[in-house]
Amino acid sequence: MRSAKFITFEGVDGAGKSTHLEWFADTLRKRGIDLLVTREPGGTLLGERLREILLNQPMHAETEAMLMFAARREHVEQVIRPALQCGTWVISDRFSDASFAYQGGGRGVPLAKLEQLEQWVHGDLQPHLTLLFDIPIEIARQRLSNNVSLDRFEQERGEFFERVRQAYLARVARNPQRFAVIHAEKTLPEVQKALAKIVATL
C-alpha cells in the first residue's frame, strides 16, 4: 500500500473531469502503472444501485449524505483498500470531497455532520492527490445544456453549483498539499498539458 497511489478527480457537473480522467489513466498505463478506475457513487454492485437512487429519487439532504457515505463505505472496503494493498493505483471519479461540496455546500448539510461520517467511513484513508477541475459556472452550465437527459443534480440551478464550487475551493484552502487545481475552461490540449506535468511528478 506504500507505493500505490489513490488519486481522485473532483469538480462541478460540466467541468469535463470524466473525459480528462480517461486520458490521465491511459497516460499512466503507458508508463507501466497498474491501475483501477472507479467512480462514486458506485464502484460496487450495491454502490451502483444506490447511485441510481441518488441520481433520480428526491430525498432529504441528510438522507442523501448518508446514502453517499454508505455507498462509499462499500467502495472503500470492497474496491479501493484491497486494490491499494495489492499495489494497484486507484483513480476515482469523485470521493468524499464531493460530499462536502454537494451535500455540504450545495444542500447545506452541516460540515460537522459530514466530518463525522468521513471519520467513521474512511478516517484513515485519504487520497494522495485530488485533481479539482475548476470552471466558471456559466461555462459548465453551457456544456451541460448539450446533454439530452440530466440527472437531478445536473438539473439544479446555477446558484446551487456556485455554492458547490465555493465549497470545493474551501476544501482546497484547507488541504492545499493534497489538491491540484486544473483550470477546466481552457482548451483540451491546454488541460492535457497541465495534467502531463502532474503525471511527471508522480
C-alpha atoms as a PDB file:
ATOM      1  CA  MET A   1       0.000   0.000   0.000  1.00  0.00           C
ATOM      2  CA  ARG A   2       3.029   2.242   0.467  1.00  0.00           C
ATOM      3  CA  SER A   3       3.813   2.571  -3.237  1.00  0.00           C
ATOM      4  CA  ALA A   4       0.287   2.518  -4.686  1.00  0.00           C
ATOM      5  CA  LYS A   5      -1.406   5.889  -5.043  1.00  0.00           C
ATOM      6  CA  PHE A   6      -5.041   6.863  -4.564  1.00  0.00           C
ATOM      7  CA  ILE A   7      -5.982   9.737  -6.889  1.00  0.00           C
ATOM      8  CA  THR A   8      -9.387  11.401  -7.049  1.00  0.00           C
ATOM      9  CA  PHE A   9     -10.994  13.660  -9.651  1.00  0.00           C
ATOM     10  CA  GLU A  10     -13.433  16.330  -8.494  1.00  0.00           C
ATOM     11  CA  GLY A  11     -15.384  19.239  -9.930  1.00  0.00           C
ATOM     12  CA  VAL A  12     -18.860  20.535 -10.641  1.00  0.00           C
ATOM     13  CA  ASP A  13     -21.003  18.863 -13.287  1.00  0.00           C
ATOM     14  CA  GLY A  14     -19.919  20.131 -16.685  1.00  0.00           C
ATOM     15  CA  ALA A  15     -16.249  20.621 -15.780  1.00  0.00           C
ATOM     16  CA  GLY A  16     -15.187  17.755 -18.070  1.00  0.00           C
ATOM     17  CA  LYS A  17     -13.334  15.777 -15.420  1.00  0.00           C
ATOM     18  CA  SER A  18     -14.586  12.373 -16.644  1.00  0.00           C
ATOM     19  CA  THR A  19     -13.126  12.969 -20.115  1.00  0.00           C
ATOM     20  CA  HIS A  20      -9.791  14.053 -18.676  1.00  0.00           C
ATOM     21  CA  LEU A  21      -9.789  11.134 -16.241  1.00  0.00           C
ATOM     22  CA  GLU A  22      -9.704   8.684 -19.169  1.00  0.00           C
ATOM     23  CA  TRP A  23      -6.738  10.490 -20.716  1.00  0.00           C
ATOM     24  CA  PHE A  24      -4.936  10.651 -17.362  1.00  0.00           C
ATOM     25  CA  ALA A  25      -5.444   6.927 -16.724  1.00  0.00           C
ATOM     26  CA  ASP A  26      -4.273   5.972 -20.225  1.00  0.00           C
ATOM     27  CA  THR A  27      -1.160   8.111 -19.794  1.00  0.00           C
ATOM     28  CA  LEU A  28      -0.291   6.346 -16.545  1.00  0.00           C
ATOM     29  CA  ARG A  29      -0.907   2.914 -18.095  1.00  0.00           C
ATOM     30  CA  LYS A  30       1.503   3.765 -20.914  1.00  0.00           C
ATOM     31  CA  ARG A  31       4.104   4.354 -18.216  1.00  0.00           C
ATOM     32  CA  GLY A  32       3.566   0.858 -16.895  1.00  0.00           C
ATOM     33  CA  ILE A  33       1.354   1.712 -13.937  1.00  0.00           C
ATOM     34  CA  ASP A  34      -1.143  -0.960 -12.875  1.00  0.00           C
ATOM     35  CA  LEU A  35      -4.285   0.958 -12.018  1.00  0.00           C
ATOM     36  CA  LEU A  36      -8.002   0.688 -11.406  1.00  0.00           C
ATOM     37  CA  VAL A  37     -10.534   3.337 -12.474  1.00  0.00           C
ATOM     38  CA  THR A  38     -13.738   3.582 -10.460  1.00  0.00           C
ATOM     39  CA  ARG A  39     -16.438   6.105  -9.585  1.00  0.00           C
ATOM     40  CA  GLU A  40     -18.729   7.460  -6.891  1.00  0.00           C
ATOM     41  CA  PRO A  41     -21.438   6.985  -6.094  1.00  0.00           C
ATOM     42  CA  GLY A  42     -20.944   3.467  -7.394  1.00  0.00           C
ATOM     43  CA  GLY A  43     -17.922   1.252  -7.795  1.00  0.00           C
ATOM     44  CA  THR A  44     -19.633  -1.823  -6.331  1.00  0.00           C
ATOM     45  CA  LEU A  45     -22.838  -3.695  -7.117  1.00  0.00           C
ATOM     46  CA  LEU A  46     -24.588  -2.107  -4.132  1.00  0.00           C
ATOM     47  CA  GLY A  47     -22.989   1.257  -4.848  1.00  0.00           C
ATOM     48  CA  GLU A  48     -24.320   1.292  -8.393  1.00  0.00           C
ATOM     49  CA  ARG A  49     -27.834   0.521  -7.150  1.00  0.00           C
ATOM     50  CA  LEU A  50     -27.551   3.354  -4.649  1.00  0.00           C
ATOM     51  CA  ARG A  51     -26.244   5.597  -7.440  1.00  0.00           C
ATOM     52  CA  GLU A  52     -29.426   5.017  -9.426  1.00  0.00           C
ATOM     53  CA  ILE A  53     -31.498   6.056  -6.414  1.00  0.00           C
ATOM     54  CA  LEU A  54     -29.328   9.047  -5.545  1.00  0.00           C
ATOM     55  CA  LEU A  55     -29.328  10.470  -9.066  1.00  0.00           C
ATOM     56  CA  ASN A  56     -33.040  10.086  -9.646  1.00  0.00           C
ATOM     57  CA  GLN A  57     -35.025   9.902  -6.410  1.00  0.00           C
ATOM     58  CA  PRO A  58     -35.807  13.124  -4.477  1.00  0.00           C
ATOM     59  CA  MET A  59     -34.882  12.879  -0.782  1.00  0.00           C
ATOM     60  CA  HIS A  60     -33.927  14.864   2.309  1.00  0.00           C
ATOM     61  CA  ALA A  61     -30.432  16.373   2.119  1.00  0.00           C
ATOM     62  CA  GLU A  62     -29.175  14.403   5.127  1.00  0.00           C
ATOM     63  CA  THR A  63     -30.605  11.166   3.719  1.00  0.00           C
ATOM     64  CA  GLU A  64     -28.669  11.944   0.549  1.00  0.00           C
ATOM     65  CA  ALA A  65     -25.471  12.491   2.520  1.00  0.00           C
ATOM     66  CA  MET A  66     -25.824   9.260   4.487  1.00  0.00           C
ATOM     67  CA  LEU A  67     -26.549   7.217   1.365  1.00  0.00           C
ATOM     68  CA  MET A  68     -23.488   8.710  -0.319  1.00  0.00           C
ATOM     69  CA  PHE A  69     -21.322   7.647   2.599  1.00  0.00           C
ATOM     70  CA  ALA A  70     -22.998   4.218   2.779  1.00  0.00           C
ATOM     71  CA  ALA A  71     -22.069   3.621  -0.862  1.00  0.00           C
ATOM     72  CA  ARG A  72     -18.582   4.961  -0.097  1.00  0.00           C
ATOM     73  CA  ARG A  73     -18.096   2.507   2.779  1.00  0.00           C
ATOM     74  CA  GLU A  74     -18.724  -0.424   0.429  1.00  0.00           C
ATOM     75  CA  HIS A  75     -16.463   1.185  -2.169  1.00  0.00           C
ATOM     76  CA  VAL A  76     -13.592   1.605   0.269  1.00  0.00           C
ATOM     77  CA  GLU A  77     -13.811  -1.883   1.742  1.00  0.00           C
ATOM     78  CA  GLN A  78     -14.544  -3.840  -1.441  1.00  0.00           C
ATOM     79  CA  VAL A  79     -12.573  -1.926  -4.062  1.00  0.00           C
ATOM     80  CA  ILE A  80     -10.248   0.879  -3.007  1.00  0.00           C
ATOM     81  CA  ARG A  81      -8.462  -0.571   0.014  1.00  0.00           C
ATOM     82  CA  PRO A  82      -7.945  -4.079  -1.477  1.00  0.00           C
ATOM     83  CA  ALA A  83      -6.520  -2.590  -4.686  1.00  0.00           C
ATOM     84  CA  LEU A  84      -4.085  -0.345  -2.830  1.00  0.00           C
ATOM     85  CA  GLN A  85      -2.978  -3.221  -0.625  1.00  0.00           C
ATOM     86  CA  CYS A  86      -2.154  -5.204  -3.771  1.00  0.00           C
ATOM     87  CA  GLY A  87      -0.050  -2.339  -5.128  1.00  0.00           C
ATOM     88  CA  THR A  88      -2.637  -1.222  -7.686  1.00  0.00           C
ATOM     89  CA  TRP A  89      -3.160   2.506  -8.106  1.00  0.00           C
ATOM     90  CA  VAL A  90      -6.760   3.698  -7.792  1.00  0.00           C
ATOM     91  CA  ILE A  91      -8.266   6.617  -9.694  1.00  0.00           C
ATOM     92  CA  SER A  92     -11.773   7.526  -8.571  1.00  0.00           C
ATOM     93  CA  ASP A  93     -14.226   9.844 -10.267  1.00  0.00           C
ATOM     94  CA  ARG A  94     -15.278  11.627  -7.034  1.00  0.00           C
ATOM     95  CA  PHE A  95     -14.765  10.756  -3.370  1.00  0.00           C
ATOM     96  CA  SER A  96     -15.588  12.478  -0.067  1.00  0.00           C
ATOM     97  CA  ASP A  97     -14.715  15.973  -1.266  1.00  0.00           C
ATOM     98  CA  ALA A  98     -17.819  15.688  -3.447  1.00  0.00           C
ATOM     99  CA  SER A  99     -19.984  15.171  -0.358  1.00  0.00           C
ATOM    100  CA  PHE A 100     -18.562  18.269   1.294  1.00  0.00           C
ATOM    101  CA  ALA A 101     -19.176  20.208  -1.923  1.00  0.00           C
ATOM    102  CA  TYR A 102     -22.582  18.901  -2.995  1.00  0.00           C
ATOM    103  CA  GLN A 103     -24.279  17.892   0.247  1.00  0.00           C
ATOM    104  CA  GLY A 104     -22.407  20.462   2.356  1.00  0.00           C
ATOM    105  CA  GLY A 105     -22.052  23.483   0.093  1.00  0.00           C
ATOM    106  CA  GLY A 106     -24.922  22.737  -2.256  1.00  0.00           C
ATOM    107  CA  ARG A 107     -27.543  21.310   0.110  1.00  0.00           C
ATOM    108  CA  GLY A 108     -26.476  22.948   3.354  1.00  0.00           C
ATOM    109  CA  VAL A 109     -25.788  19.798   5.410  1.00  0.00           C
ATOM    110  CA  PRO A 110     -23.668  20.931   8.410  1.00  0.00           C
ATOM    111  CA  LEU A 111     -19.975  20.269   7.853  1.00  0.00           C
ATOM    112  CA  ALA A 112     -19.649  18.799  11.358  1.00  0.00           C
ATOM    113  CA  LYS A 113     -22.043  16.002  10.386  1.00  0.00           C
ATOM    114  CA  LEU A 114     -20.146  15.315   7.167  1.00  0.00           C
ATOM    115  CA  GLU A 115     -16.857  15.258   9.070  1.00  0.00           C
ATOM    116  CA  GLN A 116     -18.290  12.651  11.444  1.00  0.00           C
ATOM    117  CA  LEU A 117     -19.385  10.493   8.528  1.00  0.00           C
ATOM    118  CA  GLU A 118     -15.995  10.890   6.848  1.00  0.00           C
ATOM    119  CA  GLN A 119     -14.153   9.854  10.010  1.00  0.00           C
ATOM    120  CA  TRP A 120     -16.465   6.878  10.520  1.00  0.00           C
ATOM    121  CA  VAL A 121     -16.341   5.627   6.938  1.00  0.00           C
ATOM    122  CA  HIS A 122     -12.684   6.120   5.995  1.00  0.00           C
ATOM    123  CA  GLY A 123     -10.895   8.251   8.554  1.00  0.00           C
ATOM    124  CA  ASP A 124      -7.548   6.522   7.994  1.00  0.00           C
ATOM    125  CA  LEU A 125      -7.780   6.641   4.198  1.00  0.00           C
ATOM    126  CA  GLN A 126      -7.400   9.871   2.224  1.00  0.00           C
ATOM    127  CA  PRO A 127      -6.399  10.457  -1.409  1.00  0.00           C
ATOM    128  CA  HIS A 128      -2.718  11.041  -2.093  1.00  0.00           C
ATOM    129  CA  LEU A 129      -3.745  13.565  -4.742  1.00  0.00           C
ATOM    130  CA  THR A 130      -7.018  15.235  -5.704  1.00  0.00           C
ATOM    131  CA  LEU A 131      -7.405  16.984  -9.034  1.00  0.00           C
ATOM    132  CA  LEU A 132     -10.067  19.678  -8.849  1.00  0.00           C
ATOM    133  CA  PHE A 133     -11.379  20.734 -12.241  1.00  0.00           C
ATOM    134  CA  ASP A 134     -12.458  24.289 -11.511  1.00  0.00           C
ATOM    135  CA  ILE A 135     -14.572  26.148 -14.035  1.00  0.00           C
ATOM    136  CA  PRO A 136     -16.800  29.243 -14.090  1.00  0.00           C
ATOM    137  CA  ILE A 137     -20.354  28.043 -13.506  1.00  0.00           C
ATOM    138  CA  GLU A 138     -21.779  29.731 -16.601  1.00  0.00           C
ATOM    139  CA  ILE A 139     -19.381  27.715 -18.801  1.00  0.00           C
ATOM    140  CA  ALA A 140     -20.199  24.472 -17.000  1.00  0.00           C
ATOM    141  CA  ARG A 141     -23.917  25.143 -17.466  1.00  0.00           C
ATOM    142  CA  GLN A 142     -23.424  25.776 -21.180  1.00  0.00           C
ATOM    143  CA  ARG A 143     -21.693  22.415 -21.526  1.00  0.00           C
ATOM    144  CA  LEU A 144     -24.484  20.624 -19.660  1.00  0.00           C
ATOM    145  CA  SER A 145     -27.099  22.205 -21.904  1.00  0.00           C
ATOM    146  CA  ASN A 146     -25.956  19.870 -24.679  1.00  0.00           C
ATOM    147  CA  ASN A 147     -26.995  16.791 -22.666  1.00  0.00           C
ATOM    148  CA  VAL A 148     -30.295  15.201 -23.660  1.00  0.00           C
ATOM    149  CA  SER A 149     -31.057  13.737 -20.222  1.00  0.00           C
ATOM    150  CA  LEU A 150     -29.926  15.299 -16.960  1.00  0.00           C
ATOM    151  CA  ASP A 151     -29.992  13.668 -13.526  1.00  0.00           C
ATOM    152  CA  ARG A 152     -31.454  15.532 -10.558  1.00  0.00           C
ATOM    153  CA  PHE A 153     -28.086  17.053  -9.627  1.00  0.00           C
ATOM    154  CA  GLU A 154     -27.401  18.296 -13.149  1.00  0.00           C
ATOM    155  CA  GLN A 155     -30.872  19.874 -13.189  1.00  0.00           C
ATOM    156  CA  GLU A 156     -30.038  22.157 -10.250  1.00  0.00           C
ATOM    157  CA  ARG A 157     -29.871  25.920 -10.769  1.00  0.00           C
ATOM    158  CA  GLY A 158     -26.692  27.923 -11.214  1.00  0.00           C
ATOM    159  CA  GLU A 159     -26.816  29.185  -7.622  1.00  0.00           C
ATOM    160  CA  PHE A 160     -26.575  25.612  -6.369  1.00  0.00           C
ATOM    161  CA  PHE A 161     -23.477  24.943  -8.454  1.00  0.00           C
ATOM    162  CA  GLU A 162     -21.850  28.183  -7.363  1.00  0.00           C
ATOM    163  CA  ARG A 163     -22.208  27.029  -3.742  1.00  0.00           C
ATOM    164  CA  VAL A 164     -20.739  23.659  -4.734  1.00  0.00           C
ATOM    165  CA  ARG A 165     -17.815  25.357  -6.453  1.00  0.00           C
ATOM    166  CA  GLN A 166     -17.079  27.581  -3.458  1.00  0.00           C
ATOM    167  CA  ALA A 167     -17.217  24.561  -1.137  1.00  0.00           C
ATOM    168  CA  TYR A 168     -14.662  22.798  -3.319  1.00  0.00           C
ATOM    169  CA  LEU A 169     -12.364  25.827  -3.202  1.00  0.00           C
ATOM    170  CA  ALA A 170     -12.750  25.911   0.582  1.00  0.00           C
ATOM    171  CA  ARG A 171     -11.548  22.294   0.683  1.00  0.00           C
ATOM    172  CA  VAL A 172      -8.526  23.307  -1.381  1.00  0.00           C
ATOM    173  CA  ALA A 173      -7.737  26.109   1.067  1.00  0.00           C
ATOM    174  CA  ARG A 174      -7.893  23.643   3.969  1.00  0.00           C
ATOM    175  CA  ASN A 175      -5.815  20.943   2.247  1.00  0.00           C
ATOM    176  CA  PRO A 176      -3.546  22.714  -0.266  1.00  0.00           C
ATOM    177  CA  GLN A 177      -0.902  19.983  -0.154  1.00  0.00           C
ATOM    178  CA  ARG A 178      -3.386  17.367  -1.438  1.00  0.00           C
ATOM    179  CA  PHE A 179      -5.060  19.333  -4.222  1.00  0.00           C
ATOM    180  CA  ALA A 180      -4.022  20.356  -7.706  1.00  0.00           C
ATOM    181  CA  VAL A 181      -6.445  22.844  -9.265  1.00  0.00           C
ATOM    182  CA  ILE A 182      -6.992  22.480 -13.012  1.00  0.00           C
ATOM    183  CA  HIS A 183      -8.500  25.414 -14.921  1.00  0.00           C
ATOM    184  CA  ALA A 184     -11.072  23.372 -16.823  1.00  0.00           C
ATOM    185  CA  GLU A 185     -12.385  26.195 -19.006  1.00  0.00           C
ATOM    186  CA  LYS A 186      -9.187  26.004 -21.083  1.00  0.00           C
ATOM    187  CA  THR A 187      -8.887  24.036 -24.323  1.00  0.00           C
ATOM    188  CA  LEU A 188      -8.442  20.267 -24.286  1.00  0.00           C
ATOM    189  CA  PRO A 189      -4.722  20.458 -25.277  1.00  0.00           C
ATOM    190  CA  GLU A 190      -4.074  23.074 -22.572  1.00  0.00           C
ATOM    191  CA  VAL A 191      -5.718  20.938 -19.881  1.00  0.00           C
ATOM    192  CA  GLN A 192      -3.840  17.836 -21.037  1.00  0.00           C
ATOM    193  CA  LYS A 193      -0.577  19.781 -20.892  1.00  0.00           C
ATOM    194  CA  ALA A 194      -1.304  20.667 -17.257  1.00  0.00           C
ATOM    195  CA  LEU A 195      -2.185  17.049 -16.498  1.00  0.00           C
ATOM    196  CA  ALA A 196       1.015  15.811 -18.170  1.00  0.00           C
ATOM    197  CA  LYS A 197       3.051  17.946 -15.775  1.00  0.00           C
ATOM    198  CA  ILE A 198       1.233  16.320 -12.855  1.00  0.00           C
ATOM    199  CA  VAL A 199       1.851  12.835 -14.262  1.00  0.00           C
ATOM    200  CA  ALA A 200       5.571  13.660 -14.445  1.00  0.00           C
ATOM    201  CA  THR A 201       5.626  14.403 -10.692  1.00  0.00           C
ATOM    202  CA  LEU A 202       4.025  11.042  -9.861  1.00  0.00           C
END
